């Protein structure tokens, strides 16, 4: 008959076998994932070089700088247009008003010239 120590050893051995089989199954899953990642890396062109990495970083910085410059430029355009519109509102006169003012000034000038007997 089995003794108490032998039954404890058998239980421990069974636990260890169970944990080993569980670890082996996990190891298999991890290995499949790694193989899948290797295939994925191959499909996208592999690992990039440091030169390619520098190029991508510079390209990203360039895009960010261009976006900020466009924001600034658009802001300045809006300010310029607003100031021109303000000047337009302040100084714009219809052509008829200008022509009427010119005609009135011409009549006054002609009347002064007649009084001075230049005409």
N, C-alpha and C. Protein backbone atom coordinates (compact mmCIF):
# COMPACT_ATOMS: atom_id res chain seq x y z
N UNK A 1 0.81 -1.16 0.00
CA UNK A 1 0.00 0.00 0.00
C UNK A 1 0.87 1.25 0.00
N UNK A 2 0.30 2.32 -0.53
CA UNK A 2 1.05 3.56 -0.63
C UNK A 2 1.03 4.27 0.71
N UNK A 3 2.16 4.86 0.97
CA UNK A 3 2.24 5.62 2.20
C UNK A 3 1.81 7.05 1.95
N UNK A 4 1.70 7.84 3.03
CA UNK A 4 1.24 9.23 2.93
C UNK A 4 2.23 10.07 2.14
N UNK A 5 3.49 9.82 2.33
CA UNK A 5 4.50 10.60 1.60
C UNK A 5 4.46 10.28 0.12
N UNK A 6 4.22 9.02 -0.21
CA UNK A 6 4.15 8.64 -1.61
C UNK A 6 2.93 9.29 -2.28
N UNK A 7 1.82 9.36 -1.58
CA UNK A 7 0.63 9.98 -2.15
C UNK A 7 0.83 11.49 -2.31
N UNK A 8 1.54 12.14 -1.36
CA UNK A 8 1.85 13.56 -1.48
C UNK A 8 2.75 13.80 -2.68
N UNK A 9 3.75 12.90 -2.83
CA UNK A 9 4.67 13.03 -3.97
C UNK A 9 3.93 12.85 -5.29
N UNK A 10 2.98 11.96 -5.32
CA UNK A 10 2.21 11.71 -6.53
C UNK A 10 1.34 12.93 -6.86
N UNK A 11 0.76 13.53 -5.82
CA UNK A 11 -0.06 14.73 -6.04
C UNK A 11 0.81 15.89 -6.55
N UNK A 12 1.97 16.05 -5.91
CA UNK A 12 2.88 17.12 -6.35
C UNK A 12 3.35 16.89 -7.78
N UNK A 13 3.62 15.60 -8.08
CA UNK A 13 4.07 15.27 -9.43
C UNK A 13 2.97 15.56 -10.44
N UNK A 14 1.74 15.29 -10.08
CA UNK A 14 0.61 15.55 -10.97
C UNK A 14 0.44 17.05 -11.17
N UNK A 15 0.59 17.84 -10.08
CA UNK A 15 0.50 19.30 -10.19
C UNK A 15 1.59 19.83 -11.10
N UNK A 16 2.80 19.31 -10.88
CA UNK A 16 3.93 19.76 -11.71
C UNK A 16 3.71 19.39 -13.18
N UNK A 17 3.21 18.19 -13.44
CA UNK A 17 2.93 17.77 -14.82
C UNK A 17 1.87 18.68 -15.44
N UNK A 18 0.85 19.01 -14.65
CA UNK A 18 -0.21 19.88 -15.14
C UNK A 18 0.34 21.27 -15.45
N UNK A 19 1.17 21.81 -14.54
CA UNK A 19 1.73 23.14 -14.77
C UNK A 19 2.70 23.11 -15.95
N UNK A 20 3.46 22.04 -16.12
CA UNK A 20 4.37 21.92 -17.26
C UNK A 20 3.59 21.88 -18.56
N UNK A 21 2.51 21.11 -18.60
CA UNK A 21 1.72 21.04 -19.83
C UNK A 21 1.06 22.40 -20.12
N UNK A 22 0.62 23.09 -19.06
CA UNK A 22 0.04 24.42 -19.24
C UNK A 22 1.09 25.39 -19.78
N UNK A 23 2.29 25.35 -19.23
CA UNK A 23 3.37 26.21 -19.69
C UNK A 23 3.77 25.88 -21.13
N UNK A 24 3.77 24.61 -21.47
CA UNK A 24 4.09 24.22 -22.85
C UNK A 24 3.03 24.74 -23.82
N UNK A 25 1.76 24.69 -23.40
CA UNK A 25 0.68 25.21 -24.25
C UNK A 25 0.84 26.72 -24.42
N UNK A 26 1.14 27.42 -23.31
CA UNK A 26 1.38 28.88 -23.40
C UNK A 26 2.57 29.18 -24.29
N UNK A 27 3.61 28.38 -24.17
CA UNK A 27 4.81 28.56 -24.98
C UNK A 27 4.47 28.41 -26.47
N UNK A 28 3.62 27.44 -26.77
CA UNK A 28 3.20 27.24 -28.16
C UNK A 28 2.43 28.44 -28.69
N UNK A 29 1.52 28.99 -27.85
CA UNK A 29 0.75 30.17 -28.26
C UNK A 29 1.68 31.36 -28.50
N UNK A 30 2.62 31.54 -27.59
CA UNK A 30 3.57 32.66 -27.74
C UNK A 30 4.40 32.49 -29.01
N UNK A 31 4.82 31.26 -29.27
CA UNK A 31 5.61 31.00 -30.48
C UNK A 31 4.80 31.30 -31.74
N UNK A 32 3.51 30.95 -31.74
CA UNK A 32 2.65 31.27 -32.89
C UNK A 32 2.54 32.78 -33.07
N UNK A 33 2.38 33.51 -31.97
CA UNK A 33 2.30 34.97 -32.05
C UNK A 33 3.58 35.55 -32.61
N UNK A 34 4.71 35.05 -32.14
CA UNK A 34 6.00 35.54 -32.64
C UNK A 34 6.16 35.27 -34.13
N UNK A 35 5.75 34.10 -34.55
CA UNK A 35 5.81 33.78 -35.98
C UNK A 35 4.89 34.70 -36.78
N UNK A 36 3.70 34.99 -36.21
CA UNK A 36 2.78 35.90 -36.87
C UNK A 36 3.37 37.30 -36.97
N UNK A 37 4.04 37.74 -35.91
CA UNK A 37 4.68 39.05 -35.93
C UNK A 37 5.81 39.12 -36.95
N UNK A 38 6.57 38.02 -37.05
CA UNK A 38 7.64 37.97 -38.05
C UNK A 38 7.06 38.09 -39.46
N UNK A 39 5.96 37.38 -39.71
CA UNK A 39 5.31 37.47 -41.01
C UNK A 39 4.79 38.88 -41.27
N UNK A 40 4.23 39.49 -40.23
CA UNK A 40 3.71 40.85 -40.36
C UNK A 40 4.86 41.82 -40.69
N UNK A 41 5.97 41.69 -39.99
CA UNK A 41 7.14 42.55 -40.27
C UNK A 41 7.62 42.36 -41.71
N UNK A 42 7.63 41.13 -42.17
CA UNK A 42 8.05 40.89 -43.56
C UNK A 42 7.07 41.52 -44.54
N UNK A 43 5.77 41.46 -44.21
CA UNK A 43 4.77 42.00 -45.13
C UNK A 43 4.83 43.52 -45.23
N UNK A 44 5.26 44.20 -44.16
CA UNK A 44 5.33 45.67 -44.21
C UNK A 44 6.71 46.16 -44.59
N UNK A 45 7.62 45.27 -44.90
CA UNK A 45 8.93 45.70 -45.38
C UNK A 45 10.05 45.54 -44.37
N UNK A 46 9.79 44.96 -43.27
CA UNK A 46 10.83 44.70 -42.29
C UNK A 46 11.11 45.88 -41.39
N UNK A 47 12.19 45.77 -40.66
CA UNK A 47 12.59 46.80 -39.71
C UNK A 47 13.25 47.94 -40.47
N UNK A 48 12.93 49.18 -40.10
CA UNK A 48 13.49 50.32 -40.81
C UNK A 48 14.90 50.62 -40.29
N UNK A 49 15.69 51.22 -41.15
CA UNK A 49 17.05 51.57 -40.78
C UNK A 49 17.05 52.91 -40.04
N UNK A 50 18.19 53.25 -39.46
CA UNK A 50 18.26 54.52 -38.74
C UNK A 50 18.13 55.70 -39.71
N UNK A 51 18.64 55.54 -40.93
CA UNK A 51 18.49 56.60 -41.94
C UNK A 51 17.03 56.83 -42.30
N UNK A 52 16.28 55.74 -42.47
CA UNK A 52 14.86 55.85 -42.77
C UNK A 52 14.11 56.46 -41.59
N UNK A 53 14.53 56.11 -40.39
CA UNK A 53 13.91 56.66 -39.18
C UNK A 53 14.14 58.16 -39.11
N UNK A 54 15.36 58.61 -39.38
CA UNK A 54 15.67 60.04 -39.38
C UNK A 54 14.83 60.76 -40.43
N UNK A 55 14.71 60.16 -41.61
CA UNK A 55 13.93 60.76 -42.68
C UNK A 55 12.46 60.91 -42.27
N UNK A 56 11.90 59.87 -41.65
CA UNK A 56 10.50 59.93 -41.22
C UNK A 56 10.30 60.99 -40.14
N UNK A 57 11.25 61.10 -39.22
CA UNK A 57 11.15 62.11 -38.17
C UNK A 57 11.22 63.51 -38.77
N UNK A 58 12.16 63.72 -39.69
CA UNK A 58 12.28 65.03 -40.34
C UNK A 58 11.03 65.35 -41.15
N UNK A 59 10.48 64.36 -41.80
CA UNK A 59 9.26 64.57 -42.58
C UNK A 59 8.11 64.97 -41.66
N UNK A 60 8.00 64.34 -40.51
CA UNK A 60 6.95 64.67 -39.55
C UNK A 60 7.13 66.10 -39.04
N UNK A 61 8.37 66.47 -38.71
CA UNK A 61 8.64 67.83 -38.27
C UNK A 61 8.31 68.84 -39.36
N UNK A 62 8.65 68.50 -40.59
CA UNK A 62 8.36 69.39 -41.72
C UNK A 62 6.86 69.62 -41.85
N UNK A 63 6.08 68.57 -41.73
CA UNK A 63 4.62 68.69 -41.82
C UNK A 63 4.07 69.57 -40.70
N UNK A 64 4.58 69.38 -39.48
CA UNK A 64 4.12 70.20 -38.36
C UNK A 64 4.47 71.67 -38.56
N UNK A 65 5.68 71.93 -39.04
CA UNK A 65 6.10 73.31 -39.29
C UNK A 65 5.24 73.94 -40.38
N UNK A 66 4.96 73.19 -41.44
CA UNK A 66 4.12 73.72 -42.52
C UNK A 66 2.72 74.04 -42.01
N UNK A 67 2.17 73.20 -41.15
CA UNK A 67 0.83 73.46 -40.60
C UNK A 67 0.84 74.75 -39.78
N UNK A 68 1.87 74.93 -38.94
CA UNK A 68 1.94 76.13 -38.12
C UNK A 68 2.14 77.37 -38.98
N UNK A 69 2.97 77.26 -40.02
CA UNK A 69 3.17 78.40 -40.90
C UNK A 69 1.89 78.76 -41.65
N UNK A 70 1.13 77.77 -42.06
CA UNK A 70 -0.14 78.04 -42.74
C UNK A 70 -1.13 78.72 -41.79
N UNK A 71 -1.16 78.28 -40.53
CA UNK A 71 -2.02 78.94 -39.55
C UNK A 71 -1.63 80.41 -39.43
N UNK A 72 -0.33 80.66 -39.29
CA UNK A 72 0.17 82.03 -39.14
C UNK A 72 -0.16 82.85 -40.38
N UNK A 73 0.09 82.28 -41.55
CA UNK A 73 -0.15 82.99 -42.81
C UNK A 73 -1.63 83.31 -42.97
N UNK A 74 -2.49 82.37 -42.66
CA UNK A 74 -3.94 82.62 -42.77
C UNK A 74 -4.38 83.70 -41.79
N UNK A 75 -3.79 83.68 -40.61
CA UNK A 75 -4.11 84.73 -39.62
C UNK A 75 -3.70 86.10 -40.15
N UNK A 76 -2.51 86.19 -40.72
CA UNK A 76 -2.04 87.46 -41.27
C UNK A 76 -2.89 87.90 -42.46
N UNK A 77 -3.33 86.95 -43.27
CA UNK A 77 -4.21 87.29 -44.40
C UNK A 77 -5.51 87.90 -43.90
N UNK A 78 -6.09 87.27 -42.86
CA UNK A 78 -7.33 87.78 -42.30
C UNK A 78 -7.15 89.20 -41.75
N UNK A 79 -6.02 89.44 -41.07
CA UNK A 79 -5.76 90.78 -40.54
C UNK A 79 -5.63 91.80 -41.66
N UNK A 80 -4.91 91.44 -42.73
CA UNK A 80 -4.72 92.34 -43.86
C UNK A 80 -6.05 92.65 -44.54
N UNK A 81 -6.84 91.63 -44.77
CA UNK A 81 -8.14 91.83 -45.41
C UNK A 81 -9.04 92.70 -44.54
N UNK A 82 -9.00 92.49 -43.22
CA UNK A 82 -9.82 93.30 -42.32
C UNK A 82 -9.39 94.75 -42.36
N UNK A 83 -8.09 95.01 -42.40
CA UNK A 83 -7.64 96.40 -42.45
C UNK A 83 -7.99 97.06 -43.78
N UNK A 84 -7.91 96.32 -44.88
CA UNK A 84 -8.28 96.87 -46.19
C UNK A 84 -9.79 97.15 -46.22
N UNK A 85 -10.58 96.24 -45.67
CA UNK A 85 -12.03 96.47 -45.62
C UNK A 85 -12.35 97.71 -44.78
N UNK A 86 -11.61 97.90 -43.69
CA UNK A 86 -11.83 99.06 -42.85
C UNK A 86 -11.52 100.34 -43.64
N UNK A 87 -10.40 100.33 -44.38
CA UNK A 87 -10.07 101.49 -45.22
C UNK A 87 -11.11 101.70 -46.31
N UNK A 88 -11.59 100.63 -46.88
CA UNK A 88 -12.61 100.73 -47.93
C UNK A 88 -13.87 101.38 -47.38
N UNK A 89 -14.29 100.89 -46.20
CA UNK A 89 -15.49 101.47 -45.59
C UNK A 89 -15.29 102.95 -45.27
N UNK A 90 -14.09 103.31 -44.89
CA UNK A 90 -13.83 104.69 -44.49
C UNK A 90 -13.73 105.62 -45.69
N UNK A 91 -13.08 105.19 -46.76
CA UNK A 91 -12.77 106.10 -47.87
C UNK A 91 -13.51 105.83 -49.16
N UNK A 92 -14.27 104.78 -49.24
CA UNK A 92 -14.94 104.44 -50.50
C UNK A 92 -16.08 105.43 -50.77
N UNK A 93 -16.09 105.96 -51.97
CA UNK A 93 -17.17 106.85 -52.41
C UNK A 93 -17.68 106.34 -53.75
N UNK A 94 -18.97 106.47 -53.97
CA UNK A 94 -19.49 106.04 -55.27
C UNK A 94 -18.95 106.95 -56.39
N UNK A 95 -18.87 106.40 -57.58
CA UNK A 95 -18.35 107.16 -58.73
C UNK A 95 -19.23 108.37 -59.02
N UNK A 96 -20.52 108.27 -58.83
CA UNK A 96 -21.42 109.41 -59.08
C UNK A 96 -21.12 110.56 -58.13
N UNK A 97 -20.84 110.23 -56.87
CA UNK A 97 -20.52 111.27 -55.90
C UNK A 97 -19.23 111.97 -56.29
N UNK A 98 -18.24 111.21 -56.69
CA UNK A 98 -16.98 111.81 -57.13
C UNK A 98 -17.20 112.70 -58.36
N UNK A 99 -17.98 112.21 -59.29
CA UNK A 99 -18.24 113.00 -60.51
C UNK A 99 -19.02 114.26 -60.18
N UNK A 100 -19.99 114.17 -59.30
CA UNK A 100 -20.76 115.37 -58.89
C UNK A 100 -19.85 116.38 -58.21
N UNK A 101 -18.99 115.90 -57.30
CA UNK A 101 -18.04 116.80 -56.64
C UNK A 101 -17.11 117.46 -57.65
N UNK A 102 -16.68 116.70 -58.64
CA UNK A 102 -15.79 117.25 -59.67
C UNK A 102 -16.50 118.33 -60.48
N UNK A 103 -17.74 118.02 -60.85
CA UNK A 103 -18.52 118.99 -61.62
C UNK A 103 -18.74 120.28 -60.82
N UNK A 104 -19.07 120.15 -59.55
CA UNK A 104 -19.27 121.33 -58.69
C UNK A 104 -17.97 122.14 -58.56
N UNK A 105 -16.87 121.44 -58.38
CA UNK A 105 -15.58 122.15 -58.27
C UNK A 105 -15.25 122.85 -59.58
N UNK A 106 -15.54 122.21 -60.70
CA UNK A 106 -15.27 122.80 -62.01
C UNK A 106 -16.13 124.05 -62.22
N UNK A 107 -17.40 123.98 -61.82
CA UNK A 107 -18.27 125.15 -61.94
C UNK A 107 -17.75 126.31 -61.09
N UNK A 108 -17.34 126.02 -59.85
CA UNK A 108 -16.81 127.08 -58.98
C UNK A 108 -15.54 127.68 -59.56
N UNK A 109 -14.69 126.82 -60.08
CA UNK A 109 -13.44 127.30 -60.68
C UNK A 109 -13.75 128.19 -61.88
N UNK A 110 -14.67 127.73 -62.72
CA UNK A 110 -15.05 128.53 -63.89
C UNK A 110 -15.65 129.88 -63.47
N UNK A 111 -16.44 129.87 -62.41
CA UNK A 111 -17.02 131.14 -61.97
C UNK A 111 -15.93 132.08 -61.45
N UNK A 112 -14.94 131.55 -60.72
CA UNK A 112 -13.83 132.39 -60.26
C UNK A 112 -13.03 132.93 -61.44
N UNK A 113 -12.84 132.05 -62.41
CA UNK A 113 -12.06 132.49 -63.59
C UNK A 113 -12.83 133.56 -64.37
N UNK A 114 -14.15 133.45 -64.45
CA UNK A 114 -14.95 134.49 -65.13
C UNK A 114 -14.89 135.80 -64.37
N UNK A 115 -14.93 135.72 -63.03
CA UNK A 115 -14.84 136.96 -62.24
C UNK A 115 -13.48 137.63 -62.45
N UNK A 116 -12.49 136.81 -62.60
CA UNK A 116 -11.16 137.36 -62.83
C UNK A 116 -10.91 137.67 -64.31
N UNK A 117 -11.88 137.39 -65.13
CA UNK A 117 -11.88 137.65 -66.56
C UNK A 117 -10.77 136.89 -67.29
N UNK A 118 -10.59 135.66 -66.84
CA UNK A 118 -9.71 134.77 -67.58
C UNK A 118 -10.50 133.96 -68.61
N UNK A 119 -11.77 133.87 -68.47
CA UNK A 119 -12.60 133.15 -69.44
C UNK A 119 -13.51 134.08 -70.17
